Structure formats: structure tokens, C-alpha cells
Amino acid sequence: MKFERSKVDFPLWRKKVDKSLFNHNGTAIPMWACEMWCIPRIFSKIKSKNDPNSKVIIKFNDSSHEGQVTKTYKGRTNPVYRLWFEESLTIELKRNYLMSYMRSLEEGLDTSDKSDPKKIDIEEKIPFWEFLDIEFDKNSRVFHFKSYYFQEPSFPNLFSHLIGSPSIEKIGDEVLGKKGSRIYKQDWKPRNDLELAIGEKNVIYKLIDTKNRLFYVGEAADLVKRLLQNYPTIPNWNYFRYDVLPDELAPFRVMIERMVIRDFATLMSNNKEIKTISISDFKLTNEKIDK
């Protein structure tokens, strides 16, 4: 049973979590909520996210994010207000509402005829609902996002690791029909998480040994296969990170690796006589460094 919140500081809109939060980094605000929050008065002349007066702050899970409120028109006279936010908040929402996000991906990958009147809605196929409470402090122009209800994920640890991974981001780009080249960047991960990187191809990676203060740069067609090999110059690495390159850069992957190695050689001690302005006590352990 879910009990009602005992502490609500500002006027509240309880929004059902849907794909708009994940796909568009924002959501339309219903007119009744706009009136309740005095949005038409506060943002009466705002049209673009670039307008400084559109800026707001959004707080969620003890973190703050930048946002914007904009106004467009549906038809000639009906205003539509939207709340936009940073990609960092989108990622947090994906992590918090894992099941809704996975369901939105499933809907996007459904290849059946979406115009078919007999097509079953994704919420009927996979029935559950999650809710996000949105409060607005009009005096300080701060939105407060608070999770009211979320569905327990089937595989919580696996899903939380996959959110933000290149594999999931690629699926998201496919669902949204995003075109063009993109480098999928990752944060540092402990060595124990290597098995979760299965399927990552065409990468530039870095290894770090935090105990012995060692650093290594490499490239790989298959990340996991490469990192399961031995590294004599950094055998006890305990963290790794990687960037997945677009397919068209695969022929230039080694060239990019050599450039990155040379860049780091100018910033930390190394095995070659490369002039260094040291910014770290770590040592670059690569044996092949271009001069």
C-alpha cells in the first residue's frame, strides 16, 4: 500500500511517468497546473529556451539541475507551456523509473503497424503505472521533483548498471530516430563491472591502478575480449573507462589511440623522454608513445 505524502510544501501536480520525460528531456504542463502555479503570469513573454527569463531550477534526489519554461501556441490562441531540463536529470529519472523507461524502449522497438486500430497500447500490454510529484515554488522559480511511486524493477542491479551504457543509449537513439555520428562516453567503472560491458565494440579505453598510481590508454575492437588479456605494464588495474566510437571511425581507431596516448604523455611521467608538464603523480605505462 502506498500512503499519501505527509509533507507537501508547494502546489502539487502528480504526473504519470511516460516516455516524454525520457525522450524529450521535458514535459508539457497541463493548463490547470499552469494556472495553479501562476505560470502564464511569470513566463508570459517567454518563447525560447535561450531567453534568460525562461530559466528555472529543478531539484530531484538531493541534486539541482537547470531547466527552462517555454510557451508556444496550439492553433492561434491556445498557449502550451513546457518544462525542459538537462540530460543529467533525464538520466536520473531513467534510473529512478527503470521499468517505465524499459517499457518506453520496448514500445519504440515494436515494429508492428502503429496505425492499426487493433494494436494494443503498450500500457495495456505491460500494465503498471509510476508517478512523479512536481511542486513549484513560484517565488524562487524552483521546481521540486519527488518520486511518489515507482515499480520495483525485475532485475534492479542489472538495470541500474545498464542505464547510460552505450548499448542502451544506442537503442534509445534508434527509437528516437536520431541520425548522425555520436561518441558514447562512459564514467570510471570498477574492474568487477567488466562483464557488464559485454558487446561494447570499437572503443578507446583507459585503465588505472589507484594503488600504484599507474595509467594506461588502449584501443579495442572488442572491449571485454581485450581487457581479459594480461597487461604487463599495469597488471593490477582496478578501474576502467571507455568511449565507444561511431562505426565510421573504426579504420582510424589506432590513430586516435596514438593521439590520446601522446596527449597524456605531455601531462604525466612516461616511459619515453616526452616533455611533460605534470598535473598528476600517476605514471603513463604505455610502451609505444609517438614523439
Protein backbone atom coordinates (compact mmCIF):
# COMPACT_ATOMS: atom_id res chain seq x y z
CA MET A 1 0.00 0.00 0.00
CA LYS A 2 1.23 3.50 -0.89
CA PHE A 3 0.42 6.17 1.69
CA GLU A 4 -0.12 9.80 0.80
CA ARG A 5 2.84 12.09 1.42
CA SER A 6 2.65 13.88 4.76
CA LYS A 7 4.69 16.91 3.74
CA VAL A 8 3.93 18.95 0.63
CA ASP A 9 5.47 22.41 0.59
CA PHE A 10 4.10 23.86 -2.65
CA PRO A 11 1.15 23.32 -5.04
CA LEU A 12 1.42 19.82 -6.48
CA TRP A 13 0.96 18.14 -9.86
CA ARG A 14 1.16 14.34 -9.68
CA LYS A 15 2.34 13.33 -13.15
CA LYS A 16 2.09 9.81 -14.51
CA VAL A 17 5.56 8.89 -15.74
CA ASP A 18 5.63 8.47 -19.51
CA LYS A 19 8.11 8.39 -22.37
CA SER A 20 8.09 12.19 -22.82
CA LEU A 21 10.28 12.52 -19.73
CA PHE A 22 12.89 10.21 -21.25
CA ASN A 23 12.66 11.01 -24.95
CA HIS A 24 12.39 14.78 -24.97
CA ASN A 25 14.09 15.98 -21.76
CA GLY A 26 10.91 17.71 -20.75
CA THR A 27 7.15 17.63 -20.47
CA ALA A 28 4.12 19.71 -21.32
CA ILE A 29 2.45 21.29 -18.29
CA PRO A 30 -1.35 20.92 -18.16
CA MET A 31 -3.16 24.23 -18.15
CA TRP A 32 -4.76 23.64 -14.76
CA ALA A 33 -1.27 23.24 -13.26
CA CYS A 34 -0.10 26.34 -15.12
CA GLU A 35 -2.91 28.36 -13.56
CA MET A 36 -2.24 26.88 -10.11
CA TRP A 37 1.45 27.83 -10.36
CA CYS A 38 0.85 31.25 -12.00
CA ILE A 39 2.93 30.11 -14.97
CA PRO A 40 1.16 32.39 -17.50
CA ARG A 41 1.97 35.44 -15.40
CA ILE A 42 5.58 34.51 -14.56
CA PHE A 43 6.50 33.33 -18.08
CA SER A 44 4.08 35.41 -20.13
CA LYS A 45 6.56 36.53 -22.79
CA ILE A 46 8.83 33.50 -22.94
CA LYS A 47 9.12 31.67 -26.26
CA SER A 48 12.65 30.28 -26.44
CA LYS A 49 14.79 28.25 -24.06
CA ASN A 50 17.57 30.74 -24.86
CA ASP A 51 15.65 33.55 -23.15
CA PRO A 52 17.35 34.18 -19.75
CA ASN A 53 13.94 34.74 -18.18
CA SER A 54 12.94 31.18 -19.02
CA LYS A 55 15.49 29.76 -16.58
CA VAL A 56 14.38 27.70 -13.58
CA ILE A 57 15.99 25.27 -11.15
CA ILE A 58 14.77 21.68 -10.75
CA LYS A 59 15.62 19.73 -7.60
CA PHE A 60 15.44 15.96 -7.50
CA ASN A 61 17.07 13.41 -5.17
CA ASP A 62 19.30 16.00 -3.45
CA SER A 63 20.67 17.34 -6.73
CA SER A 64 19.92 20.51 -8.69
CA HIS A 65 19.54 20.86 -12.45
CA GLU A 66 18.98 23.74 -14.81
CA GLY A 67 15.68 23.96 -16.64
CA GLN A 68 13.56 26.26 -18.79
CA VAL A 69 9.87 27.04 -19.16
CA THR A 70 8.70 27.96 -22.67
CA LYS A 71 5.41 28.94 -24.28
CA THR A 72 4.15 28.01 -27.74
CA TYR A 73 0.67 28.01 -29.24
CA LYS A 74 -1.59 25.18 -30.29
CA GLY A 75 -3.57 26.83 -33.03
CA ARG A 76 -3.66 30.60 -32.80
CA THR A 77 -4.92 31.18 -29.29
CA ASN A 78 -4.24 28.17 -27.06
CA PRO A 79 -0.92 28.51 -25.21
CA VAL A 80 1.11 25.41 -24.36
CA TYR A 81 3.71 25.66 -21.61
CA ARG A 82 6.55 23.17 -21.39
CA LEU A 83 9.18 22.42 -18.77
CA TRP A 84 12.57 21.43 -20.17
CA PHE A 85 15.56 20.05 -18.27
CA GLU A 86 19.15 18.87 -18.61
CA GLU A 87 20.23 15.45 -19.84
CA SER A 88 21.67 14.80 -16.35
CA LEU A 89 18.15 14.92 -14.88
CA THR A 90 16.83 12.66 -17.65
CA ILE A 91 19.41 10.05 -16.66
CA GLU A 92 18.36 10.31 -13.00
CA LEU A 93 14.72 9.86 -13.98
CA LYS A 94 15.62 6.81 -16.07
CA ARG A 95 17.41 5.32 -13.07
CA ASN A 96 14.54 6.09 -10.71
CA TYR A 97 11.80 4.86 -13.07
CA LEU A 98 13.62 1.92 -14.62
CA MET A 99 10.52 -0.05 -15.53
CA SER A 100 8.80 2.86 -17.32
CA TYR A 101 11.99 3.60 -19.23
CA MET A 102 12.44 -0.02 -20.30
CA ARG A 103 8.78 -0.11 -21.34
CA SER A 104 9.25 3.02 -23.45
CA LEU A 105 12.18 1.35 -25.23
CA GLU A 106 10.07 -1.76 -25.81
CA GLU A 107 7.35 0.40 -27.35
CA GLY A 108 9.86 2.11 -29.63
CA LEU A 109 11.26 -1.23 -30.83
CA ASP A 110 7.80 -2.60 -31.63
CA THR A 111 7.77 -2.94 -35.44
CA SER A 112 4.05 -3.69 -35.76
CA ASP A 113 1.85 -1.24 -37.66
CA LYS A 114 1.26 1.64 -35.26
CA SER A 115 -1.73 2.82 -37.31
CA ASP A 116 -3.52 -0.50 -36.82
CA PRO A 117 -6.66 0.24 -34.75
CA LYS A 118 -6.36 -3.24 -33.20
CA LYS A 119 -2.85 -2.54 -31.96
CA ILE A 120 -2.75 -2.87 -28.17
CA ASP A 121 -1.35 0.09 -26.26
CA ILE A 122 1.98 -0.63 -24.54
CA GLU A 123 0.46 0.21 -21.13
CA GLU A 124 -2.16 -2.48 -21.71
CA LYS A 125 0.47 -5.00 -22.77
CA ILE A 126 2.70 -4.21 -19.77
CA PRO A 127 0.29 -2.77 -17.19
CA PHE A 128 1.77 -0.70 -14.38
CA TRP A 129 1.99 3.00 -13.58
CA GLU A 130 4.60 5.14 -11.87
CA PHE A 131 4.13 8.68 -10.60
CA LEU A 132 6.30 11.75 -10.16
CA ASP A 133 5.21 14.59 -7.87
CA ILE A 134 6.09 18.03 -9.24
CA GLU A 135 5.86 21.05 -6.95
CA PHE A 136 6.65 24.64 -7.94
CA ASP A 137 7.94 27.38 -5.68
CA LYS A 138 6.93 30.40 -7.74
CA ASN A 139 8.80 32.88 -5.55
CA SER A 140 12.21 31.28 -6.13
CA ARG A 141 11.31 29.71 -9.51
CA VAL A 142 12.29 26.25 -8.30
CA PHE A 143 10.57 23.02 -9.32
CA HIS A 144 10.77 20.17 -6.83
CA PHE A 145 10.60 16.66 -8.32
CA LYS A 146 9.75 13.97 -5.79
CA SER A 147 9.20 10.32 -6.55
CA TYR A 148 5.74 9.34 -5.34
CA TYR A 149 5.54 5.78 -6.62
CA PHE A 150 7.80 3.56 -8.70
CA GLN A 151 7.52 -0.04 -9.82
CA GLU A 152 10.16 -2.35 -8.41
CA PRO A 153 12.29 -3.45 -11.40
CA SER A 154 12.55 -7.13 -12.24
CA PHE A 155 16.36 -7.05 -12.28
CA PRO A 156 17.25 -3.86 -10.33
CA ASN A 157 21.02 -4.24 -10.17
CA LEU A 158 21.35 -5.19 -13.83
CA PHE A 159 19.04 -2.40 -15.00
CA SER A 160 20.77 0.25 -12.89
CA HIS A 161 24.11 -0.71 -14.43
CA LEU A 162 22.71 -0.69 -17.95
CA ILE A 163 21.18 2.80 -17.75
CA GLY A 164 23.57 5.13 -19.53
CA SER A 165 25.52 2.29 -21.15
CA PRO A 166 26.34 2.66 -24.86
CA SER A 167 24.18 -0.37 -25.69
CA ILE A 168 21.07 1.17 -24.10
CA GLU A 169 21.86 4.65 -25.44
CA LYS A 170 22.14 3.23 -28.96
CA ILE A 171 18.72 1.62 -28.59
CA GLY A 172 17.35 4.95 -27.35
CA ASP A 173 18.81 6.76 -30.36
CA GLU A 174 17.31 4.13 -32.67
CA VAL A 175 13.89 4.51 -31.03
CA LEU A 176 14.02 8.30 -31.41
CA GLY A 177 15.30 8.05 -34.99
CA LYS A 178 18.43 10.06 -34.20
CA LYS A 179 20.84 10.21 -37.12
CA GLY A 180 24.49 11.15 -37.38
CA SER A 181 27.67 10.12 -35.62
CA ARG A 182 27.98 10.03 -31.86
CA ILE A 183 30.68 9.04 -29.38
CA TYR A 184 29.18 7.24 -26.37
CA LYS A 185 31.18 8.33 -23.32
CA GLN A 186 31.38 6.39 -20.06
CA ASP A 187 32.44 7.08 -16.48
CA TRP A 188 35.00 5.11 -14.49
CA LYS A 189 33.84 1.62 -13.52
CA PRO A 190 35.39 -0.90 -11.10
CA ARG A 191 37.09 -3.92 -12.63
CA ASN A 192 34.31 -6.16 -11.29
CA ASP A 193 31.88 -4.46 -13.70
CA LEU A 194 33.79 -5.63 -16.79
CA GLU A 195 31.32 -8.44 -17.52
CA LEU A 196 28.55 -5.84 -17.84
CA ALA A 197 30.40 -4.29 -20.79
CA ILE A 198 29.87 -7.35 -22.99
CA GLY A 199 29.10 -6.29 -26.54
CA GLU A 200 30.96 -2.98 -26.47
CA LYS A 201 32.86 -2.66 -29.75
CA ASN A 202 35.17 -0.12 -31.38
CA VAL A 203 36.41 1.64 -28.25
CA ILE A 204 39.18 3.79 -26.84
CA TYR A 205 39.70 2.79 -23.21
CA LYS A 206 41.73 3.79 -20.16
CA LEU A 207 42.94 1.65 -17.26
CA ILE A 208 44.03 2.94 -13.88
CA ASP A 209 45.82 1.36 -10.90
CA THR A 210 44.94 3.63 -8.00
CA LYS A 211 47.24 1.86 -5.53
CA ASN A 212 50.42 2.01 -7.62
CA ARG A 213 49.45 5.25 -9.38
CA LEU A 214 49.59 3.85 -12.92
CA PHE A 215 47.62 4.81 -16.04
CA TYR A 216 47.19 3.17 -19.46
CA VAL A 217 45.45 4.04 -22.75
CA GLY A 218 44.37 1.47 -25.33
CA GLU A 219 42.04 0.68 -28.20
CA ALA A 220 39.98 -2.39 -28.92
CA ALA A 221 37.61 -3.83 -31.48
CA ASP A 222 36.03 -5.83 -28.63
CA LEU A 223 36.43 -4.26 -25.16
CA VAL A 224 35.82 -7.27 -22.92
CA LYS A 225 37.93 -9.62 -25.03
CA ARG A 226 40.82 -7.15 -24.91
CA LEU A 227 40.61 -6.39 -21.18
CA LEU A 228 40.61 -10.07 -20.28
CA GLN A 229 44.19 -10.22 -21.60
CA ASN A 230 47.24 -9.56 -19.46
CA TYR A 231 48.79 -6.10 -19.15
CA PRO A 232 52.43 -6.44 -18.02
CA THR A 233 52.84 -2.68 -17.50
CA ILE A 234 49.66 -2.32 -15.43
CA PRO A 235 48.73 -5.84 -14.21
CA ASN A 236 46.73 -4.71 -11.17
CA TRP A 237 44.47 -2.13 -12.75
CA ASN A 238 41.29 -1.74 -10.72
CA TYR A 239 39.22 0.77 -12.72
CA PHE A 240 38.43 1.22 -16.40
CA ARG A 241 36.51 3.66 -18.59
CA TYR A 242 35.89 3.74 -22.33
CA ASP A 243 34.38 5.68 -25.20
CA VAL A 244 32.54 3.90 -27.99
CA LEU A 245 33.40 5.40 -31.38
CA PRO A 246 30.98 5.60 -34.31
CA ASP A 247 31.42 2.78 -36.82
CA GLU A 248 32.86 5.05 -39.50
CA LEU A 249 35.84 5.82 -37.24
CA ALA A 250 36.83 2.16 -36.85
CA PRO A 251 39.56 2.43 -39.54
CA PHE A 252 41.07 5.34 -37.61
CA ARG A 253 40.80 3.85 -34.11
CA VAL A 254 44.53 3.13 -33.75
CA MET A 255 45.35 6.62 -34.97
CA ILE A 256 43.03 8.11 -32.36
CA GLU A 257 44.55 5.90 -29.67
CA ARG A 258 48.07 7.09 -30.55
CA MET A 259 46.93 10.70 -30.37
CA VAL A 260 45.33 10.18 -26.92
CA ILE A 261 48.45 8.41 -25.62
CA ARG A 262 50.64 11.26 -26.84
CA ASP A 263 48.35 13.80 -25.18
CA PHE A 264 48.58 12.08 -21.80
CA ALA A 265 52.36 11.74 -22.17
CA THR A 266 52.59 15.54 -22.07
CA LEU A 267 50.74 15.59 -18.74
CA MET A 268 52.31 12.79 -16.68
CA SER A 269 55.58 10.92 -16.37
CA ASN A 270 56.09 8.22 -19.01
CA ASN A 271 58.47 5.64 -20.45
CA LYS A 272 59.75 7.95 -23.19
CA GLU A 273 61.53 11.26 -22.99
CA ILE A 274 58.41 13.28 -23.73
CA LYS A 275 58.47 16.80 -22.32
CA THR A 276 55.88 16.81 -19.56
CA ILE A 277 54.05 19.43 -17.58
CA SER A 278 52.96 17.14 -14.78
CA ILE A 279 49.44 17.52 -13.47
CA SER A 280 49.41 14.19 -11.61
CA ASP A 281 51.64 11.78 -9.73
CA PHE A 282 50.34 8.94 -11.91
CA LYS A 283 52.65 7.41 -14.49
CA LEU A 284 51.64 6.61 -18.07
CA THR A 285 52.69 2.99 -18.64
CA ASN A 286 52.24 2.68 -22.41
CA GLU A 287 55.41 1.44 -24.11
CA LYS A 288 54.56 2.88 -27.53
CA ILE A 289 54.45 6.67 -27.43
CA ASP A 290 54.91 8.80 -30.54
CA LYS A 291 57.46 11.58 -30.34
